[in-house]
């Protein structure tokens, strides 16, 4: 008997560990100085139609002020069913803030939650409150990738079954039952119309936002192209500051990359994780931002031809990354 129980116990144990691994939550930690950010997504392997619980928890040392992200930051592609913010103080005096979301994924397949930005100000004695020339420190969480399984059976056959026998005629319903049926159908039609209208409005809003980002950046860049080429250091510095500002804010609006306030190295690390940018796009950004930094910080003075090349390179980047719906004559 004991020889039979031993293999059975081993099989059950393997099944238990496999199940734990399958449904394990996805968790990631990010820390900067006195602040730690914890991300948790449950369940770790959902099916389409399941609701997800996403918890953002920030723990800060005493006398450290935390600026939590705005509602739904980096979650625009999900349907949000519930949102619960919370703040407590633990026994060591640490401030613990959390934001709990209940989400519905839009589709099956591989999905991700983009990096989330949290800011803080350090009021502890002897510590610098914020970086020089900035209002607060910033922490950027890691990209959170997960897989949403489809519920369609793998062995579904396309062959249809033959029709069933003809159903017998049913007696006519009473007028009261008919009225109730008509009312239910009208309510159902109204509900379907509302759902279709909501998704159409949401898609239209997202489309307009992307088109606006492209058109706004293109308009500002066109104004720079129409100006005379600068002929002194101050004018050249101002041109590259403006050009860098246009590209960084375009990336933030177009791809939800928090670019304007990051250093060049920090931003390139974030851009490397973006699924929307190709290797060619990342190489352009690296060359472009480093050239702008040389002008601003290394006293590099480009000639008129080099300035034109930078302007037209930025224009080519906007054209390559514009939404496919945008068409201009």
C-alpha atoms as a PDB file:
ATOM      1  CA  UNK A   1       0.000   0.000   0.000  1.00  0.00           C
ATOM      2  CA  UNK A   2       2.779   2.450   0.867  1.00  0.00           C
ATOM      3  CA  UNK A   3       4.359   1.854  -2.549  1.00  0.00           C
ATOM      4  CA  UNK A   4       1.091   2.926  -4.218  1.00  0.00           C
ATOM      5  CA  UNK A   5       0.650   6.026  -2.015  1.00  0.00           C
ATOM      6  CA  UNK A   6       4.154   7.337  -2.659  1.00  0.00           C
ATOM      7  CA  UNK A   7       3.750   7.970  -6.465  1.00  0.00           C
ATOM      8  CA  UNK A   8       0.221   9.284  -5.894  1.00  0.00           C
ATOM      9  CA  UNK A   9       1.455  11.730  -3.265  1.00  0.00           C
ATOM     10  CA  UNK A  10       4.212  12.889  -5.637  1.00  0.00           C
ATOM     11  CA  UNK A  11       1.705  13.499  -8.462  1.00  0.00           C
ATOM     12  CA  UNK A  12      -0.621  15.471  -6.174  1.00  0.00           C
ATOM     13  CA  UNK A  13       2.306  17.541  -4.910  1.00  0.00           C
ATOM     14  CA  UNK A  14       3.357  18.375  -8.482  1.00  0.00           C
ATOM     15  CA  UNK A  15      -0.204  19.401  -9.331  1.00  0.00           C
ATOM     16  CA  UNK A  16      -0.320  21.645  -6.280  1.00  0.00           C
ATOM     17  CA  UNK A  17       2.917  23.476  -7.145  1.00  0.00           C
ATOM     18  CA  UNK A  18       1.838  23.796 -10.799  1.00  0.00           C
ATOM     19  CA  UNK A  19      -1.474  25.350  -9.737  1.00  0.00           C
ATOM     20  CA  UNK A  20       0.272  27.779  -7.368  1.00  0.00           C
ATOM     21  CA  UNK A  21       2.634  28.847 -10.133  1.00  0.00           C
ATOM     22  CA  UNK A  22      -0.211  29.208 -12.639  1.00  0.00           C
ATOM     23  CA  UNK A  23      -2.289  31.528 -10.483  1.00  0.00           C
ATOM     24  CA  UNK A  24       0.565  33.366  -8.740  1.00  0.00           C
ATOM     25  CA  UNK A  25       0.241  37.132  -8.596  1.00  0.00           C
ATOM     26  CA  UNK A  26       2.651  39.351 -10.527  1.00  0.00           C
ATOM     27  CA  UNK A  27       4.643  41.646  -8.195  1.00  0.00           C
ATOM     28  CA  UNK A  28       7.406  44.182  -8.789  1.00  0.00           C
ATOM     29  CA  UNK A  29       9.291  46.576  -6.489  1.00  0.00           C
ATOM     30  CA  UNK A  30      11.038  49.864  -7.288  1.00  0.00           C
ATOM     31  CA  UNK A  31      12.977  51.955  -4.760  1.00  0.00           C
ATOM     32  CA  UNK A  32      14.584  55.361  -4.752  1.00  0.00           C
ATOM     33  CA  UNK A  33      16.031  56.741  -1.531  1.00  0.00           C
ATOM     34  CA  UNK A  34      13.424  56.775   1.260  1.00  0.00           C
ATOM     35  CA  UNK A  35      10.523  55.658  -0.969  1.00  0.00           C
ATOM     36  CA  UNK A  36       9.602  52.119  -2.096  1.00  0.00           C
ATOM     37  CA  UNK A  37       6.940  51.347  -4.724  1.00  0.00           C
ATOM     38  CA  UNK A  38       5.264  47.933  -4.872  1.00  0.00           C
ATOM     39  CA  UNK A  39       3.084  46.789  -7.811  1.00  0.00           C
ATOM     40  CA  UNK A  40       0.780  43.773  -7.564  1.00  0.00           C
ATOM     41  CA  UNK A  41      -1.487  42.312 -10.272  1.00  0.00           C
ATOM     42  CA  UNK A  42      -3.905  39.526  -9.416  1.00  0.00           C
ATOM     43  CA  UNK A  43      -4.482  36.974 -10.880  1.00  0.00           C
ATOM     44  CA  UNK A  44      -1.206  36.602 -12.708  1.00  0.00           C
ATOM     45  CA  UNK A  45      -2.689  34.528 -15.576  1.00  0.00           C
ATOM     46  CA  UNK A  46      -6.261  35.795 -16.141  1.00  0.00           C
ATOM     47  CA  UNK A  47      -8.726  34.738 -18.836  1.00  0.00           C
ATOM     48  CA  UNK A  48     -10.556  37.191 -21.049  1.00  0.00           C
ATOM     49  CA  UNK A  49     -13.601  38.444 -19.112  1.00  0.00           C
ATOM     50  CA  UNK A  50     -11.925  38.076 -15.696  1.00  0.00           C
ATOM     51  CA  UNK A  51     -11.559  41.157 -13.519  1.00  0.00           C
ATOM     52  CA  UNK A  52      -8.029  42.106 -12.439  1.00  0.00           C
ATOM     53  CA  UNK A  53      -6.974  43.658  -9.141  1.00  0.00           C
ATOM     54  CA  UNK A  54      -4.094  46.096  -9.593  1.00  0.00           C
ATOM     55  CA  UNK A  55      -2.598  47.563  -6.384  1.00  0.00           C
ATOM     56  CA  UNK A  56      -0.050  50.378  -6.333  1.00  0.00           C
ATOM     57  CA  UNK A  57       1.495  50.698  -2.855  1.00  0.00           C
ATOM     58  CA  UNK A  58       3.997  53.427  -1.888  1.00  0.00           C
ATOM     59  CA  UNK A  59       5.913  53.297   1.422  1.00  0.00           C
ATOM     60  CA  UNK A  60       7.767  56.465   2.499  1.00  0.00           C
ATOM     61  CA  UNK A  61      10.002  57.213   5.469  1.00  0.00           C
ATOM     62  CA  UNK A  62       8.788  59.753   8.055  1.00  0.00           C
ATOM     63  CA  UNK A  63       8.856  63.412   6.902  1.00  0.00           C
ATOM     64  CA  UNK A  64       8.843  62.391   3.233  1.00  0.00           C
ATOM     65  CA  UNK A  65       5.900  63.846   1.259  1.00  0.00           C
ATOM     66  CA  UNK A  66       4.591  61.604  -1.542  1.00  0.00           C
ATOM     67  CA  UNK A  67       2.693  62.874  -4.598  1.00  0.00           C
ATOM     68  CA  UNK A  68       0.615  59.944  -5.852  1.00  0.00           C
ATOM     69  CA  UNK A  69      -0.166  59.589  -9.596  1.00  0.00           C
ATOM     70  CA  UNK A  70      -3.434  60.880 -10.981  1.00  0.00           C
ATOM     71  CA  UNK A  71      -6.428  58.554 -11.315  1.00  0.00           C
ATOM     72  CA  UNK A  72      -6.043  56.021 -14.179  1.00  0.00           C
ATOM     73  CA  UNK A  73      -2.490  57.095 -15.076  1.00  0.00           C
ATOM     74  CA  UNK A  74      -1.083  54.473 -17.514  1.00  0.00           C
ATOM     75  CA  UNK A  75      -4.387  52.503 -17.401  1.00  0.00           C
ATOM     76  CA  UNK A  76      -6.248  54.151 -20.301  1.00  0.00           C
ATOM     77  CA  UNK A  77      -6.491  50.893 -22.281  1.00  0.00           C
ATOM     78  CA  UNK A  78      -8.411  49.090 -19.484  1.00  0.00           C
ATOM     79  CA  UNK A  79     -12.005  49.388 -18.318  1.00  0.00           C
ATOM     80  CA  UNK A  80     -11.930  50.554 -14.673  1.00  0.00           C
ATOM     81  CA  UNK A  81     -14.729  49.078 -12.535  1.00  0.00           C
ATOM     82  CA  UNK A  82     -13.586  50.351  -9.129  1.00  0.00           C
ATOM     83  CA  UNK A  83     -10.952  52.594  -7.541  1.00  0.00           C
ATOM     84  CA  UNK A  84     -10.050  52.743  -3.820  1.00  0.00           C
ATOM     85  CA  UNK A  85      -7.302  55.081  -2.501  1.00  0.00           C
ATOM     86  CA  UNK A  86      -5.967  54.573   1.050  1.00  0.00           C
ATOM     87  CA  UNK A  87      -3.399  56.126   3.406  1.00  0.00           C
ATOM     88  CA  UNK A  88      -2.085  54.815   6.744  1.00  0.00           C
ATOM     89  CA  UNK A  89       0.880  55.234   9.132  1.00  0.00           C
ATOM     90  CA  UNK A  90       2.661  52.101  10.373  1.00  0.00           C
ATOM     91  CA  UNK A  91       4.304  51.518  13.771  1.00  0.00           C
ATOM     92  CA  UNK A  92       7.654  52.931  12.579  1.00  0.00           C
ATOM     93  CA  UNK A  93       6.013  56.168  11.419  1.00  0.00           C
ATOM     94  CA  UNK A  94       6.281  55.296   7.724  1.00  0.00           C
ATOM     95  CA  UNK A  95       3.529  56.624   5.463  1.00  0.00           C
ATOM     96  CA  UNK A  96       1.812  53.905   3.401  1.00  0.00           C
ATOM     97  CA  UNK A  97      -0.334  55.044   0.466  1.00  0.00           C
ATOM     98  CA  UNK A  98      -2.141  52.748  -1.916  1.00  0.00           C
ATOM     99  CA  UNK A  99      -4.385  52.864  -4.976  1.00  0.00           C
ATOM    100  CA  UNK A 100      -6.447  49.755  -5.702  1.00  0.00           C
ATOM    101  CA  UNK A 101      -8.014  49.341  -9.161  1.00  0.00           C
ATOM    102  CA  UNK A 102     -10.449  46.726 -10.422  1.00  0.00           C
ATOM    103  CA  UNK A 103      -9.773  46.368 -14.166  1.00  0.00           C
ATOM    104  CA  UNK A 104     -11.214  44.537 -17.168  1.00  0.00           C
ATOM    105  CA  UNK A 105      -8.642  43.743 -19.919  1.00  0.00           C
ATOM    106  CA  UNK A 106      -9.722  44.870 -23.418  1.00  0.00           C
ATOM    107  CA  UNK A 107      -8.594  41.730 -25.245  1.00  0.00           C
ATOM    108  CA  UNK A 108      -6.747  38.444 -24.878  1.00  0.00           C
ATOM    109  CA  UNK A 109      -3.044  37.985 -25.600  1.00  0.00           C
ATOM    110  CA  UNK A 110      -0.042  39.778 -24.173  1.00  0.00           C
ATOM    111  CA  UNK A 111      -0.893  43.050 -22.416  1.00  0.00           C
ATOM    112  CA  UNK A 112       1.105  45.459 -20.271  1.00  0.00           C
ATOM    113  CA  UNK A 113       0.749  48.289 -17.778  1.00  0.00           C
ATOM    114  CA  UNK A 114       3.149  51.095 -18.768  1.00  0.00           C
ATOM    115  CA  UNK A 115       5.547  52.652 -16.212  1.00  0.00           C
ATOM    116  CA  UNK A 116       3.855  54.849 -13.570  1.00  0.00           C
ATOM    117  CA  UNK A 117       5.431  58.054 -12.236  1.00  0.00           C
ATOM    118  CA  UNK A 118       5.424  58.832  -8.485  1.00  0.00           C
ATOM    119  CA  UNK A 119       6.978  62.028  -7.080  1.00  0.00           C
ATOM    120  CA  UNK A 120       8.176  62.828  -3.558  1.00  0.00           C
ATOM    121  CA  UNK A 121       9.719  65.658  -1.540  1.00  0.00           C
ATOM    122  CA  UNK A 122      12.252  64.827   1.222  1.00  0.00           C
ATOM    123  CA  UNK A 123      11.672  67.066   4.291  1.00  0.00           C
ATOM    124  CA  UNK A 124      14.022  65.129   6.584  1.00  0.00           C
ATOM    125  CA  UNK A 125      16.677  67.217   8.371  1.00  0.00           C
ATOM    126  CA  UNK A 126      19.939  67.399   6.472  1.00  0.00           C
ATOM    127  CA  UNK A 127      18.452  65.992   3.253  1.00  0.00           C
ATOM    128  CA  UNK A 128      17.921  67.868  -0.006  1.00  0.00           C
ATOM    129  CA  UNK A 129      14.165  68.316  -0.538  1.00  0.00           C
ATOM    130  CA  UNK A 130      14.345  67.850  -4.335  1.00  0.00           C
ATOM    131  CA  UNK A 131      16.920  67.723  -7.146  1.00  0.00           C
ATOM    132  CA  UNK A 132      18.412  71.032  -8.208  1.00  0.00           C
ATOM    133  CA  UNK A 133      16.042  73.115 -10.383  1.00  0.00           C
ATOM    134  CA  UNK A 134      13.213  70.607  -9.820  1.00  0.00           C
ATOM    135  CA  UNK A 135      10.187  70.531  -7.535  1.00  0.00           C
ATOM    136  CA  UNK A 136      10.395  66.874  -6.491  1.00  0.00           C
ATOM    137  CA  UNK A 137      12.191  63.562  -6.917  1.00  0.00           C
ATOM    138  CA  UNK A 138      10.620  61.043  -9.299  1.00  0.00           C
ATOM    139  CA  UNK A 139      10.292  57.255  -9.267  1.00  0.00           C
ATOM    140  CA  UNK A 140       9.287  55.417 -12.448  1.00  0.00           C
ATOM    141  CA  UNK A 141       7.982  51.877 -12.024  1.00  0.00           C
ATOM    142  CA  UNK A 142       8.898  48.994 -14.310  1.00  0.00           C
ATOM    143  CA  UNK A 143       6.804  47.832 -17.269  1.00  0.00           C
ATOM    144  CA  UNK A 144       4.312  45.210 -16.009  1.00  0.00           C
ATOM    145  CA  UNK A 145       3.705  42.550 -18.690  1.00  0.00           C
ATOM    146  CA  UNK A 146       1.144  39.741 -18.413  1.00  0.00           C
ATOM    147  CA  UNK A 147      -0.788  37.260 -20.571  1.00  0.00           C
ATOM    148  CA  UNK A 148      -4.589  37.138 -20.886  1.00  0.00           C
ATOM    149  CA  UNK A 149      -5.822  33.705 -21.985  1.00  0.00           C
ATOM    150  CA  UNK A 150      -8.619  33.205 -24.490  1.00  0.00           C
ATOM    151  CA  UNK A 151     -11.696  31.172 -23.481  1.00  0.00           C
ATOM    152  CA  UNK A 152     -12.229  29.677 -26.956  1.00  0.00           C
ATOM    153  CA  UNK A 153     -11.702  25.873 -26.836  1.00  0.00           C
ATOM    154  CA  UNK A 154      -8.763  24.674 -28.935  1.00  0.00           C
ATOM    155  CA  UNK A 155     -10.680  21.724 -30.412  1.00  0.00           C
ATOM    156  CA  UNK A 156     -13.763  23.620 -31.652  1.00  0.00           C
ATOM    157  CA  UNK A 157     -14.932  22.286 -35.032  1.00  0.00           C
ATOM    158  CA  UNK A 158     -16.426  24.470 -37.746  1.00  0.00           C
ATOM    159  CA  UNK A 159     -18.938  21.810 -38.847  1.00  0.00           C
ATOM    160  CA  UNK A 160     -22.505  22.741 -37.916  1.00  0.00           C
ATOM    161  CA  UNK A 161     -25.021  20.254 -36.639  1.00  0.00           C
ATOM    162  CA  UNK A 162     -28.134  19.546 -38.754  1.00  0.00           C
ATOM    163  CA  UNK A 163     -31.250  21.608 -37.911  1.00  0.00           C
ATOM    164  CA  UNK A 164     -33.621  20.356 -35.261  1.00  0.00           C
ATOM    165  CA  UNK A 165     -37.179  19.356 -35.953  1.00  0.00           C
ATOM    166  CA  UNK A 166     -39.802  22.064 -36.543  1.00  0.00           C
ATOM    167  CA  UNK A 167     -41.106  23.484 -33.276  1.00  0.00           C
ATOM    168  CA  UNK A 168     -44.865  23.466 -32.702  1.00  0.00           C
ATOM    169  CA  UNK A 169     -46.708  26.768 -32.771  1.00  0.00           C
ATOM    170  CA  UNK A 170     -47.164  28.382 -29.413  1.00  0.00           C
ATOM    171  CA  UNK A 171     -50.432  29.986 -28.331  1.00  0.00           C
ATOM    172  CA  UNK A 172     -50.600  33.766 -28.673  1.00  0.00           C
ATOM    173  CA  UNK A 173     -49.523  35.570 -25.469  1.00  0.00           C
ATOM    174  CA  UNK A 174     -51.876  37.860 -23.669  1.00  0.00           C
ATOM    175  CA  UNK A 175     -51.767  41.608 -24.264  1.00  0.00           C
ATOM    176  CA  UNK A 176     -50.074  42.126 -20.886  1.00  0.00           C
ATOM    177  CA  UNK A 177     -47.349  39.627 -21.690  1.00  0.00           C
ATOM    178  CA  UNK A 178     -46.905  41.210 -25.113  1.00  0.00           C
ATOM    179  CA  UNK A 179     -46.453  44.671 -23.582  1.00  0.00           C
ATOM    180  CA  UNK A 180     -43.882  43.335 -21.138  1.00  0.00           C
ATOM    181  CA  UNK A 181     -41.999  41.620 -23.954  1.00  0.00           C
ATOM    182  CA  UNK A 182     -41.953  44.806 -26.067  1.00  0.00           C
ATOM    183  CA  UNK A 183     -40.724  46.849 -23.100  1.00  0.00           C
ATOM    184  CA  UNK A 184     -37.924  44.367 -22.409  1.00  0.00           C
ATOM    185  CA  UNK A 185     -36.859  44.451 -26.057  1.00  0.00           C
ATOM    186  CA  UNK A 186     -36.810  48.258 -26.038  1.00  0.00           C
ATOM    187  CA  UNK A 187     -34.685  48.302 -22.877  1.00  0.00           C
ATOM    188  CA  UNK A 188     -32.316  45.751 -24.384  1.00  0.00           C
ATOM    189  CA  UNK A 189     -32.043  47.797 -27.592  1.00  0.00           C
ATOM    190  CA  UNK A 190     -31.385  50.927 -25.537  1.00  0.00           C
ATOM    191  CA  UNK A 191     -28.646  49.140 -23.564  1.00  0.00           C
ATOM    192  CA  UNK A 192     -26.967  47.839 -26.733  1.00  0.00           C
ATOM    193  CA  UNK A 193     -27.093  51.324 -28.280  1.00  0.00           C
ATOM    194  CA  UNK A 194     -25.508  52.812 -25.154  1.00  0.00           C
ATOM    195  CA  UNK A 195     -22.680  50.239 -25.126  1.00  0.00           C
ATOM    196  CA  UNK A 196     -21.921  50.744 -28.833  1.00  0.00           C
ATOM    197  CA  UNK A 197     -22.014  54.514 -28.399  1.00  0.00           C
ATOM    198  CA  UNK A 198     -19.710  54.362 -25.395  1.00  0.00           C
ATOM    199  CA  UNK A 199     -17.033  52.317 -27.205  1.00  0.00           C
ATOM    200  CA  UNK A 200     -17.346  54.503 -30.316  1.00  0.00           C
ATOM    201  CA  UNK A 201     -16.867  57.633 -28.191  1.00  0.00           C
ATOM    202  CA  UNK A 202     -13.904  56.104 -26.395  1.00  0.00           C
ATOM    203  CA  UNK A 203     -12.226  55.089 -29.648  1.00  0.00           C
ATOM    204  CA  UNK A 204     -12.924  58.521 -31.143  1.00  0.00           C
ATOM    205  CA  UNK A 205     -11.454  60.256 -28.090  1.00  0.00           C
ATOM    206  CA  UNK A 206      -8.263  58.190 -28.198  1.00  0.00           C
ATOM    207  CA  UNK A 207      -7.956  58.759 -31.944  1.00  0.00           C
ATOM    208  CA  UNK A 208      -8.363  62.517 -31.602  1.00  0.00           C
ATOM    209  CA  UNK A 209      -5.804  62.594 -28.782  1.00  0.00           C
ATOM    210  CA  UNK A 210      -3.198  60.888 -30.958  1.00  0.00           C
ATOM    211  CA  UNK A 211      -3.988  63.077 -33.963  1.00  0.00           C
ATOM    212  CA  UNK A 212      -3.782  66.195 -31.790  1.00  0.00           C
ATOM    213  CA  UNK A 213      -0.326  65.184 -30.488  1.00  0.00           C
ATOM    214  CA  UNK A 214       0.984  64.711 -34.030  1.00  0.00           C
ATOM    215  CA  UNK A 215      -0.616  67.850 -35.446  1.00  0.00           C
ATOM    216  CA  UNK A 216       0.471  70.031 -32.522  1.00  0.00           C
ATOM    217  CA  UNK A 217       4.093  68.871 -32.791  1.00  0.00           C
ATOM    218  CA  UNK A 218       4.075  69.247 -36.594  1.00  0.00           C
ATOM    219  CA  UNK A 219       2.711  72.788 -36.374  1.00  0.00           C
ATOM    220  CA  UNK A 220       5.375  73.869 -33.879  1.00  0.00           C
ATOM    221  CA  UNK A 221       8.130  72.205 -35.915  1.00  0.00           C
ATOM    222  CA  UNK A 222       6.908  73.921 -39.083  1.00  0.00           C
ATOM    223  CA  UNK A 223       7.221  77.280 -37.328  1.00  0.00           C
ATOM    224  CA  UNK A 224      10.881  76.526 -36.556  1.00  0.00           C
ATOM    225  CA  UNK A 225      11.519  75.499 -40.171  1.00  0.00           C
ATOM    226  CA  UNK A 226      10.086  78.804 -41.424  1.00  0.00           C
ATOM    227  CA  UNK A 227      12.352  80.898 -39.199  1.00  0.00           C
ATOM    228  CA  UNK A 228      15.760  82.188 -40.305  1.00  0.00           C
ATOM    229  CA  UNK A 229      18.693  80.037 -39.258  1.00  0.00           C
ATOM    230  CA  UNK A 230      20.156  81.375 -35.941  1.00  0.00           C
ATOM    231  CA  UNK A 231      23.572  83.002 -36.199  1.00  0.00           C
ATOM    232  CA  UNK A 232      24.648  83.317 -32.548  1.00  0.00           C
ATOM    233  CA  UNK A 233      25.072  80.999 -29.562  1.00  0.00           C
ATOM    234  CA  UNK A 234      22.060  82.271 -27.623  1.00  0.00           C
ATOM    235  CA  UNK A 235      19.709  81.826 -30.586  1.00  0.00           C
ATOM    236  CA  UNK A 236      21.114  78.351 -31.369  1.00  0.00           C
ATOM    237  CA  UNK A 237      20.713  77.262 -27.721  1.00  0.00           C
ATOM    238  CA  UNK A 238      17.094  78.471 -27.722  1.00  0.00           C
ATOM    239  CA  UNK A 239      16.326  76.641 -30.980  1.00  0.00           C
ATOM    240  CA  UNK A 240      17.607  73.293 -29.673  1.00  0.00           C
ATOM    241  CA  UNK A 241      15.789  73.768 -26.352  1.00  0.00           C
ATOM    242  CA  UNK A 242      12.536  74.371 -28.269  1.00  0.00           C
ATOM    243  CA  UNK A 243      13.183  71.461 -30.654  1.00  0.00           C
ATOM    244  CA  UNK A 244      13.899  69.063 -27.764  1.00  0.00           C
ATOM    245  CA  UNK A 245      10.750  70.293 -25.993  1.00  0.00           C
ATOM    246  CA  UNK A 246       8.632  69.545 -29.106  1.00  0.00           C
ATOM    247  CA  UNK A 247       9.938  65.975 -29.482  1.00  0.00           C
ATOM    248  CA  UNK A 248       9.710  65.098 -25.759  1.00  0.00           C
ATOM    249  CA  UNK A 249       6.126  66.383 -25.363  1.00  0.00           C
ATOM    250  CA  UNK A 250       5.097  64.617 -28.585  1.00  0.00           C
ATOM    251  CA  UNK A 251       6.397  61.321 -27.174  1.00  0.00           C
ATOM    252  CA  UNK A 252       4.486  61.860 -23.932  1.00  0.00           C
ATOM    253  CA  UNK A 253       1.162  62.608 -25.701  1.00  0.00           C
ATOM    254  CA  UNK A 254       1.583  60.058 -28.500  1.00  0.00           C
ATOM    255  CA  UNK A 255       2.981  57.024 -26.619  1.00  0.00           C
ATOM    256  CA  UNK A 256       2.301  57.905 -22.947  1.00  0.00           C
ATOM    257  CA  UNK A 257       6.049  58.078 -22.248  1.00  0.00           C
ATOM    258  CA  UNK A 258       6.718  60.423 -19.321  1.00  0.00           C
ATOM    259  CA  UNK A 259       9.527  62.212 -21.161  1.00  0.00           C
ATOM    260  CA  UNK A 260       9.667  65.987 -20.494  1.00  0.00           C
ATOM    261  CA  UNK A 261      11.124  65.877 -16.957  1.00  0.00           C
ATOM    262  CA  UNK A 262      13.533  62.939 -17.354  1.00  0.00           C
ATOM    263  CA  UNK A 263      17.247  63.159 -18.053  1.00  0.00           C
ATOM    264  CA  UNK A 264      18.411  61.865 -21.435  1.00  0.00           C
ATOM    265  CA  UNK A 265      19.719  58.589 -19.917  1.00  0.00           C
ATOM    266  CA  UNK A 266      16.522  57.980 -17.921  1.00  0.00           C
ATOM    267  CA  UNK A 267      14.317  58.646 -20.909  1.00  0.00           C
ATOM    268  CA  UNK A 268      16.297  56.371 -23.237  1.00  0.00           C
ATOM    269  CA  UNK A 269      15.893  53.554 -20.683  1.00  0.00           C
ATOM    270  CA  UNK A 270      12.097  54.049 -20.773  1.00  0.00           C
ATOM    271  CA  UNK A 271      12.005  54.304 -24.577  1.00  0.00           C
ATOM    272  CA  UNK A 272      13.894  51.000 -24.841  1.00  0.00           C
ATOM    273  CA  UNK A 273      10.946  49.265 -23.120  1.00  0.00           C
ATOM    274  CA  UNK A 274       8.241  50.808 -25.326  1.00  0.00           C
ATOM    275  CA  UNK A 275       6.646  48.294 -27.751  1.00  0.00           C
ATOM    276  CA  UNK A 276       5.573  51.196 -30.000  1.00  0.00           C
ATOM    277  CA  UNK A 277       9.110  52.307 -30.929  1.00  0.00           C
ATOM    278  CA  UNK A 278      11.384  50.406 -33.326  1.00  0.00           C
ATOM    279  CA  UNK A 279      15.151  50.108 -33.025  1.00  0.00           C
ATOM    280  CA  UNK A 280      15.497  52.788 -35.718  1.00  0.00           C
ATOM    281  CA  UNK A 281      13.293  55.139 -33.662  1.00  0.00           C
ATOM    282  CA  UNK A 282      15.371  54.504 -30.523  1.00  0.00           C
ATOM    283  CA  UNK A 283      18.633  55.151 -32.394  1.00  0.00           C
ATOM    284  CA  UNK A 284      17.224  58.428 -33.726  1.00  0.00           C
ATOM    285  CA  UNK A 285      16.192  59.517 -30.224  1.00  0.00           C
ATOM    286  CA  UNK A 286      19.603  58.645 -28.804  1.00  0.00           C
ATOM    287  CA  UNK A 287      21.467  60.654 -31.475  1.00  0.00           C
ATOM    288  CA  UNK A 288      18.967  63.524 -31.382  1.00  0.00           C
ATOM    289  CA  UNK A 289      18.893  63.976 -27.597  1.00  0.00           C
ATOM    290  CA  UNK A 290      22.659  63.625 -27.222  1.00  0.00           C
ATOM    291  CA  UNK A 291      23.193  66.273 -29.935  1.00  0.00           C
ATOM    292  CA  UNK A 292      20.768  68.607 -28.141  1.00  0.00           C
ATOM    293  CA  UNK A 293      22.619  68.009 -24.836  1.00  0.00           C
ATOM    294  CA  UNK A 294      25.933  68.862 -26.513  1.00  0.00           C
ATOM    295  CA  UNK A 295      24.516  72.204 -27.653  1.00  0.00           C
ATOM    296  CA  UNK A 296      22.983  72.995 -24.234  1.00  0.00           C
ATOM    297  CA  UNK A 297      25.718  71.729 -21.906  1.00  0.00           C
ATOM    298  CA  UNK A 298      28.953  71.103 -23.868  1.00  0.00           C
ATOM    299  CA  UNK A 299      29.162  74.478 -25.700  1.00  0.00           C
ATOM    300  CA  UNK A 300      28.883  72.708 -29.073  1.00  0.00           C
ATOM    301  CA  UNK A 301      28.039  75.227 -31.835  1.00  0.00           C
ATOM    302  CA  UNK A 302      26.602  73.496 -34.957  1.00  0.00           C
ATOM    303  CA  UNK A 303      26.638  75.213 -38.343  1.00  0.00           C
ATOM    304  CA  UNK A 304      23.525  76.013 -40.409  1.00  0.00           C
ATOM    305  CA  UNK A 305      23.666  72.696 -42.293  1.00  0.00           C
ATOM    306  CA  UNK A 306      23.827  70.661 -39.044  1.00  0.00           C
ATOM    307  CA  UNK A 307      20.877  72.650 -37.643  1.00  0.00           C
ATOM    308  CA  UNK A 308      18.802  71.904 -40.759  1.00  0.00           C
ATOM    309  CA  UNK A 309      19.660  68.210 -40.495  1.00  0.00           C
ATOM    310  CA  UNK A 310      18.395  68.141 -36.886  1.00  0.00           C
ATOM    311  CA  UNK A 311      15.139  69.897 -37.845  1.00  0.00           C
ATOM    312  CA  UNK A 312      14.407  67.595 -40.780  1.00  0.00           C
ATOM    313  CA  UNK A 313      15.394  64.503 -38.773  1.00  0.00           C
ATOM    314  CA  UNK A 314      12.776  65.466 -36.168  1.00  0.00           C
ATOM    315  CA  UNK A 315      10.232  66.002 -38.959  1.00  0.00           C
ATOM    316  CA  UNK A 316      10.969  62.531 -40.420  1.00  0.00           C
ATOM    317  CA  UNK A 317      10.528  60.994 -36.945  1.00  0.00           C
ATOM    318  CA  UNK A 318       7.069  62.601 -36.577  1.00  0.00           C
ATOM    319  CA  UNK A 319       6.025  61.324 -40.007  1.00  0.00           C
ATOM    320  CA  UNK A 320       7.247  57.788 -39.270  1.00  0.00           C
ATOM    321  CA  UNK A 321       5.405  57.579 -35.930  1.00  0.00           C
ATOM    322  CA  UNK A 322       2.182  59.446 -36.732  1.00  0.00           C
ATOM    323  CA  UNK A 323      -1.148  57.554 -36.327  1.00  0.00           C
ATOM    324  CA  UNK A 324      -2.156  55.707 -39.465  1.00  0.00           C
ATOM    325  CA  UNK A 325      -5.471  57.617 -39.521  1.00  0.00           C
ATOM    326  CA  UNK A 326      -3.692  60.985 -40.009  1.00  0.00           C
ATOM    327  CA  UNK A 327      -3.460  62.005 -43.675  1.00  0.00           C
ATOM    328  CA  UNK A 328      -2.208  65.343 -44.994  1.00  0.00           C
ATOM    329  CA  UNK A 329      -2.105  66.643 -48.514  1.00  0.00           C
END
